[in-house]
PDB file of N, CA and C in Angstrom:
ATOM      1  N   MET A   1      44.092-103.040-140.563  1.00  0.00           N
ATOM      2  CA  MET A   1      42.983-102.342-139.964  1.00  0.00           C
ATOM      3  C   MET A   1      43.440-100.915-139.688  1.00  0.00           C
ATOM      4  N   PRO A   2      42.594 -99.953-139.981  1.00  0.00           N
ATOM      5  CA  PRO A   2      42.951 -98.562-139.703  1.00  0.00           C
ATOM      6  C   PRO A   2      43.210 -98.327-138.210  1.00  0.00           C
ATOM      7  N   ASP A   3      44.085 -97.385-137.925  1.00  0.00           N
ATOM      8  CA  ASP A   3      44.456 -97.095-136.536  1.00  0.00           C
ATOM      9  C   ASP A   3      43.249 -96.726-135.676  1.00  0.00           C
ATOM     10  N   ASP A   4      42.322 -95.943-136.232  1.00  0.00           N
ATOM     11  CA  ASP A   4      41.168 -95.527-135.436  1.00  0.00           C
ATOM     12  C   ASP A   4      40.246 -96.697-135.102  1.00  0.00           C
ATOM     13  N   VAL A   5      40.171 -97.677-135.973  1.00  0.00           N
ATOM     14  CA  VAL A   5      39.355 -98.864-135.701  1.00  0.00           C
ATOM     15  C   VAL A   5      40.009 -99.702-134.605  1.00  0.00           C
ATOM     16  N   GLY A   6      41.320 -99.875-134.683  1.00  0.00           N
ATOM     17  CA  GLY A   6      42.034-100.609-133.638  1.00  0.00           C
ATOM     18  C   GLY A   6      41.888 -99.939-132.284  1.00  0.00           C
ATOM     19  N   TYR A   7      41.966 -98.623-132.282  1.00  0.00           N
ATOM     20  CA  TYR A   7      41.804 -97.853-131.048  1.00  0.00           C
ATOM     21  C   TYR A   7      40.419 -98.093-130.449  1.00  0.00           C
ATOM     22  N   GLU A   8      39.391 -97.950-131.265  1.00  0.00           N
ATOM     23  CA  GLU A   8      38.014 -98.122-130.779  1.00  0.00           C
ATOM     24  C   GLU A   8      37.762 -99.547-130.298  1.00  0.00           C
ATOM     25  N   LEU A   9      38.323-100.523-130.970  1.00  0.00           N
ATOM     26  CA  LEU A   9      38.163-101.917-130.578  1.00  0.00           C
ATOM     27  C   LEU A   9      38.726-102.161-129.181  1.00  0.00           C
ATOM     28  N   VAL A  10      39.939-101.674-128.941  1.00  0.00           N
ATOM     29  CA  VAL A  10      40.571-101.846-127.632  1.00  0.00           C
ATOM     30  C   VAL A  10      39.822-101.038-126.566  1.00  0.00           C
ATOM     31  N   LYS A  11      39.404 -99.846-126.920  1.00  0.00           N
ATOM     32  CA  LYS A  11      38.661 -98.997-125.983  1.00  0.00           C
ATOM     33  C   LYS A  11      37.350 -99.664-125.558  1.00  0.00           C
ATOM     34  N   VAL A  12      36.604-100.181-126.499  1.00  0.00           N
ATOM     35  CA  VAL A  12      35.328-100.845-126.180  1.00  0.00           C
ATOM     36  C   VAL A  12      35.576-102.073-125.307  1.00  0.00           C
ATOM     37  N   LEU A  13      36.614-102.831-125.621  1.00  0.00           N
ATOM     38  CA  LEU A  13      36.938-103.997-124.798  1.00  0.00           C
ATOM     39  C   LEU A  13      37.145-103.598-123.344  1.00  0.00           C
ATOM     40  N   TRP A  14      38.038-102.637-123.102  1.00  0.00           N
ATOM     41  CA  TRP A  14      38.390-102.280-121.728  1.00  0.00           C
ATOM     42  C   TRP A  14      37.305-101.510-121.006  1.00  0.00           C
ATOM     43  N   GLU A  15      36.500-100.758-121.742  1.00  0.00           N
ATOM     44  CA  GLU A  15      35.408-100.040-121.089  1.00  0.00           C
ATOM     45  C   GLU A  15      34.247-100.960-120.719  1.00  0.00           C
ATOM     46  N   ASN A  16      34.274-102.183-121.242  1.00  0.00           N
ATOM     47  CA  ASN A  16      33.216-103.153-120.959  1.00  0.00           C
ATOM     48  C   ASN A  16      33.748-104.442-120.339  1.00  0.00           C
ATOM     49  N   ILE A  17      34.965-104.405-119.824  1.00  0.00           N
ATOM     50  CA  ILE A  17      35.610-105.624-119.341  1.00  0.00           C
ATOM     51  C   ILE A  17      34.847-106.276-118.191  1.00  0.00           C
ATOM     52  N   ASP A  18      34.232-105.514-117.320  1.00  0.00           N
ATOM     53  CA  ASP A  18      33.494-106.129-116.213  1.00  0.00           C
ATOM     54  C   ASP A  18      32.312-106.933-116.725  1.00  0.00           C
ATOM     55  N   SER A  19      31.623-106.417-117.700  1.00  0.00           N
ATOM     56  CA  SER A  19      30.507-107.137-118.306  1.00  0.00           C
ATOM     57  C   SER A  19      30.999-108.396-119.005  1.00  0.00           C
ATOM     58  N   ILE A  20      32.102-108.285-119.709  1.00  0.00           N
ATOM     59  CA  ILE A  20      32.682-109.436-120.398  1.00  0.00           C
ATOM     60  C   ILE A  20      33.118-110.490-119.390  1.00  0.00           C
ATOM     61  N   LYS A  21      33.748-110.062-118.308  1.00  0.00           N
ATOM     62  CA  LYS A  21      34.197-111.002-117.276  1.00  0.00           C
ATOM     63  C   LYS A  21      33.037-111.760-116.659  1.00  0.00           C
ATOM     64  N   SER A  22      31.889-111.135-116.552  1.00  0.00           N
ATOM     65  CA  SER A  22      30.740-111.802-115.936  1.00  0.00           C
ATOM     66  C   SER A  22      30.156-112.882-116.831  1.00  0.00           C
ATOM     67  N   THR A  23      30.519-112.894-118.100  1.00  0.00           N
ATOM     68  CA  THR A  23      29.965-113.882-119.017  1.00  0.00           C
ATOM     69  C   THR A  23      30.987-114.881-119.539  1.00  0.00           C
ATOM     70  N   ASN A  24      32.266-114.644-119.262  1.00  0.00           N
ATOM     71  CA  ASN A  24      33.297-115.499-119.830  1.00  0.00           C
ATOM     72  C   ASN A  24      34.443-115.683-118.841  1.00  0.00           C
ATOM     73  N   LYS A  25      34.595-116.878-118.333  1.00  0.00           N
ATOM     74  CA  LYS A  25      35.627-117.164-117.333  1.00  0.00           C
ATOM     75  C   LYS A  25      37.044-117.051-117.885  1.00  0.00           C
ATOM     76  N   VAL A  26      37.207-117.185-119.176  1.00  0.00           N
ATOM     77  CA  VAL A  26      38.535-117.119-119.785  1.00  0.00           C
ATOM     78  C   VAL A  26      39.188-115.763-119.552  1.00  0.00           C
ATOM     79  N   VAL A  27      38.395-114.709-119.464  1.00  0.00           N
ATOM     80  CA  VAL A  27      38.944-113.363-119.314  1.00  0.00           C
ATOM     81  C   VAL A  27      38.926-112.858-117.874  1.00  0.00           C
ATOM     82  N   LYS A  28      38.585-113.706-116.931  1.00  0.00           N
ATOM     83  CA  LYS A  28      38.435-113.255-115.541  1.00  0.00           C
ATOM     84  C   LYS A  28      39.696-112.636-114.959  1.00  0.00           C
ATOM     85  N   ASP A  29      40.857-113.049-115.418  1.00  0.00           N
ATOM     86  CA  ASP A  29      42.113-112.520-114.889  1.00  0.00           C
ATOM     87  C   ASP A  29      42.716-111.411-115.753  1.00  0.00           C
ATOM     88  N   MET A  30      42.011-111.000-116.789  1.00  0.00           N
ATOM     89  CA  MET A  30      42.532-109.935-117.647  1.00  0.00           C
ATOM     90  C   MET A  30      42.566-108.616-116.881  1.00  0.00           C
ATOM     91  N   SER A  31      43.629-107.864-117.105  1.00  0.00           N
ATOM     92  CA  SER A  31      43.796-106.568-116.462  1.00  0.00           C
ATOM     93  C   SER A  31      44.464-105.628-117.449  1.00  0.00           C
ATOM     94  N   ILE A  32      43.973-104.415-117.510  1.00  0.00           N
ATOM     95  CA  ILE A  32      44.583-103.440-118.425  1.00  0.00           C
ATOM     96  C   ILE A  32      46.037-103.169-118.034  1.00  0.00           C
ATOM     97  N   ASP A  33      46.351-103.345-116.770  1.00  0.00           N
ATOM     98  CA  ASP A  33      47.714-103.085-116.307  1.00  0.00           C
ATOM     99  C   ASP A  33      48.735-104.022-116.935  1.00  0.00           C
ATOM    100  N   ASN A  34      48.318-105.222-117.299  1.00  0.00           N
ATOM    101  CA  ASN A  34      49.271-106.144-117.917  1.00  0.00           C
ATOM    102  C   ASN A  34      48.909-106.491-119.358  1.00  0.00           C
ATOM    103  N   ALA A  35      47.938-105.796-119.921  1.00  0.00           N
ATOM    104  CA  ALA A  35      47.473-106.108-121.270  1.00  0.00           C
ATOM    105  C   ALA A  35      48.523-105.845-122.342  1.00  0.00           C
ATOM    106  N   ALA A  36      49.370-104.888-122.133  1.00  0.00           N
ATOM    107  CA  ALA A  36      50.352-104.517-123.151  1.00  0.00           C
ATOM    108  C   ALA A  36      51.740-105.068-122.837  1.00  0.00           C
ATOM    109  N   LYS A  37      51.805-106.031-121.939  1.00  0.00           N
ATOM    110  CA  LYS A  37      53.089-106.624-121.560  1.00  0.00           C
ATOM    111  C   LYS A  37      53.149-108.072-122.010  1.00  0.00           C
ATOM    112  N   ASP A  38      54.360-108.577-122.164  1.00  0.00           N
ATOM    113  CA  ASP A  38      54.581-109.983-122.500  1.00  0.00           C
ATOM    114  C   ASP A  38      53.775-110.429-123.713  1.00  0.00           C
ATOM    115  N   ASN A  39      53.939-109.725-124.811  1.00  0.00           N
ATOM    116  CA  ASN A  39      53.219-110.045-126.041  1.00  0.00           C
ATOM    117  C   ASN A  39      54.007-110.960-126.965  1.00  0.00           C
ATOM    118  N   ALA A  40      54.939-111.699-126.414  1.00  0.00           N
ATOM    119  CA  ALA A  40      55.745-112.659-127.178  1.00  0.00           C
ATOM    120  C   ALA A  40      56.440-112.001-128.373  1.00  0.00           C
ATOM    121  N   GLY A  41      56.813-110.751-128.211  1.00  0.00           N
ATOM    122  CA  GLY A  41      57.517-110.053-129.269  1.00  0.00           C
ATOM    123  C   GLY A  41      56.625-109.528-130.389  1.00  0.00           C
ATOM    124  N   ILE A  42      55.327-109.719-130.256  1.00  0.00           N
ATOM    125  CA  ILE A  42      54.392-109.239-131.274  1.00  0.00           C
ATOM    126  C   ILE A  42      54.101-107.764-130.999  1.00  0.00           C
ATOM    127  N   PRO A  43      54.329-106.914-131.980  1.00  0.00           N
ATOM    128  CA  PRO A  43      54.097-105.474-131.743  1.00  0.00           C
ATOM    129  C   PRO A  43      52.611-105.167-131.586  1.00  0.00           C
ATOM    130  N   LEU A  44      52.328-104.157-130.802  1.00  0.00           N
ATOM    131  CA  LEU A  44      50.953-103.704-130.641  1.00  0.00           C
ATOM    132  C   LEU A  44      50.499-102.966-131.898  1.00  0.00           C
ATOM    133  N   HIS A  45      49.228-103.052-132.173  1.00  0.00           N
ATOM    134  CA  HIS A  45      48.637-102.256-133.247  1.00  0.00           C
ATOM    135  C   HIS A  45      48.772-100.785-132.834  1.00  0.00           C
ATOM    136  N   PRO A  46      49.046 -99.891-133.761  1.00  0.00           N
ATOM    137  CA  PRO A  46      49.198 -98.476-133.400  1.00  0.00           C
ATOM    138  C   PRO A  46      47.983 -97.897-132.666  1.00  0.00           C
ATOM    139  N   GLY A  47      46.791 -98.312-133.021  1.00  0.00           N
ATOM    140  CA  GLY A  47      45.594 -97.829-132.324  1.00  0.00           C
ATOM    141  C   GLY A  47      45.536 -98.322-130.894  1.00  0.00           C
ATOM    142  N   ALA A  48      45.898 -99.584-130.683  1.00  0.00           N
ATOM    143  CA  ALA A  48      45.933-100.135-129.330  1.00  0.00           C
ATOM    144  C   ALA A  48      47.014 -99.432-128.515  1.00  0.00           C
ATOM    145  N   GLU A  49      48.156 -99.217-129.121  1.00  0.00           N
ATOM    146  CA  GLU A  49      49.249 -98.532-128.432  1.00  0.00           C
ATOM    147  C   GLU A  49      48.817 -97.138-127.976  1.00  0.00           C
ATOM    148  N   LYS A  50      48.098 -96.425-128.831  1.00  0.00           N
ATOM    149  CA  LYS A  50      47.607 -95.093-128.477  1.00  0.00           C
ATOM    150  C   LYS A  50      46.693 -95.166-127.257  1.00  0.00           C
ATOM    151  N   TYR A  51      45.774 -96.133-127.243  1.00  0.00           N
ATOM    152  CA  TYR A  51      44.844 -96.267-126.117  1.00  0.00           C
ATOM    153  C   TYR A  51      45.598 -96.587-124.831  1.00  0.00           C
ATOM    154  N   TYR A  52      46.513 -97.532-124.875  1.00  0.00           N
ATOM    155  CA  TYR A  52      47.265 -97.906-123.687  1.00  0.00           C
ATOM    156  C   TYR A  52      48.128 -96.756-123.171  1.00  0.00           C
ATOM    157  N   LYS A  53      48.666 -95.953-124.060  1.00  0.00           N
ATOM    158  CA  LYS A  53      49.431 -94.772-123.625  1.00  0.00           C
ATOM    159  C   LYS A  53      48.513 -93.768-122.943  1.00  0.00           C
ATOM    160  N   GLU A  54      47.324 -93.560-123.488  1.00  0.00           N
ATOM    161  CA  GLU A  54      46.365 -92.645-122.868  1.00  0.00           C
ATOM    162  C   GLU A  54      45.969 -93.103-121.469  1.00  0.00           C
ATOM    163  N   LYS A  55      45.904 -94.403-121.276  1.00  0.00           N
ATOM    164  CA  LYS A  55      45.518 -94.956-119.973  1.00  0.00           C
ATOM    165  C   LYS A  55      46.708 -95.092-119.025  1.00  0.00           C
ATOM    166  N   GLY A  56      47.904 -94.802-119.515  1.00  0.00           N
ATOM    167  CA  GLY A  56      49.093 -94.811-118.668  1.00  0.00           C
ATOM    168  C   GLY A  56      49.663 -96.177-118.378  1.00  0.00           C
ATOM    169  N   VAL A  57      49.330 -97.169-119.205  1.00  0.00           N
ATOM    170  CA  VAL A  57      49.897 -98.498-118.985  1.00  0.00           C
ATOM    171  C   VAL A  57      51.064 -98.791-119.912  1.00  0.00           C
ATOM    172  N   LEU A  58      51.375 -97.855-120.772  1.00  0.00           N
ATOM    173  CA  LEU A  58      52.568 -97.947-121.636  1.00  0.00           C
ATOM    174  C   LEU A  58      53.415 -96.712-121.446  1.00  0.00           C
TER     175      LEU A  58
END
């Protein structure tokens, strides 16, 4: 997936997380502060990494 698409995907997720949380209990504990941590050694997509750096969580 192109970097800009990955970036937009992560951005849309986090900018709408409250709405998503209100409809899905599975994501109720999701937090951007820990979204980029403990990924079981799986590297972040470059677009996601860019977004998390912009938000100061990486």
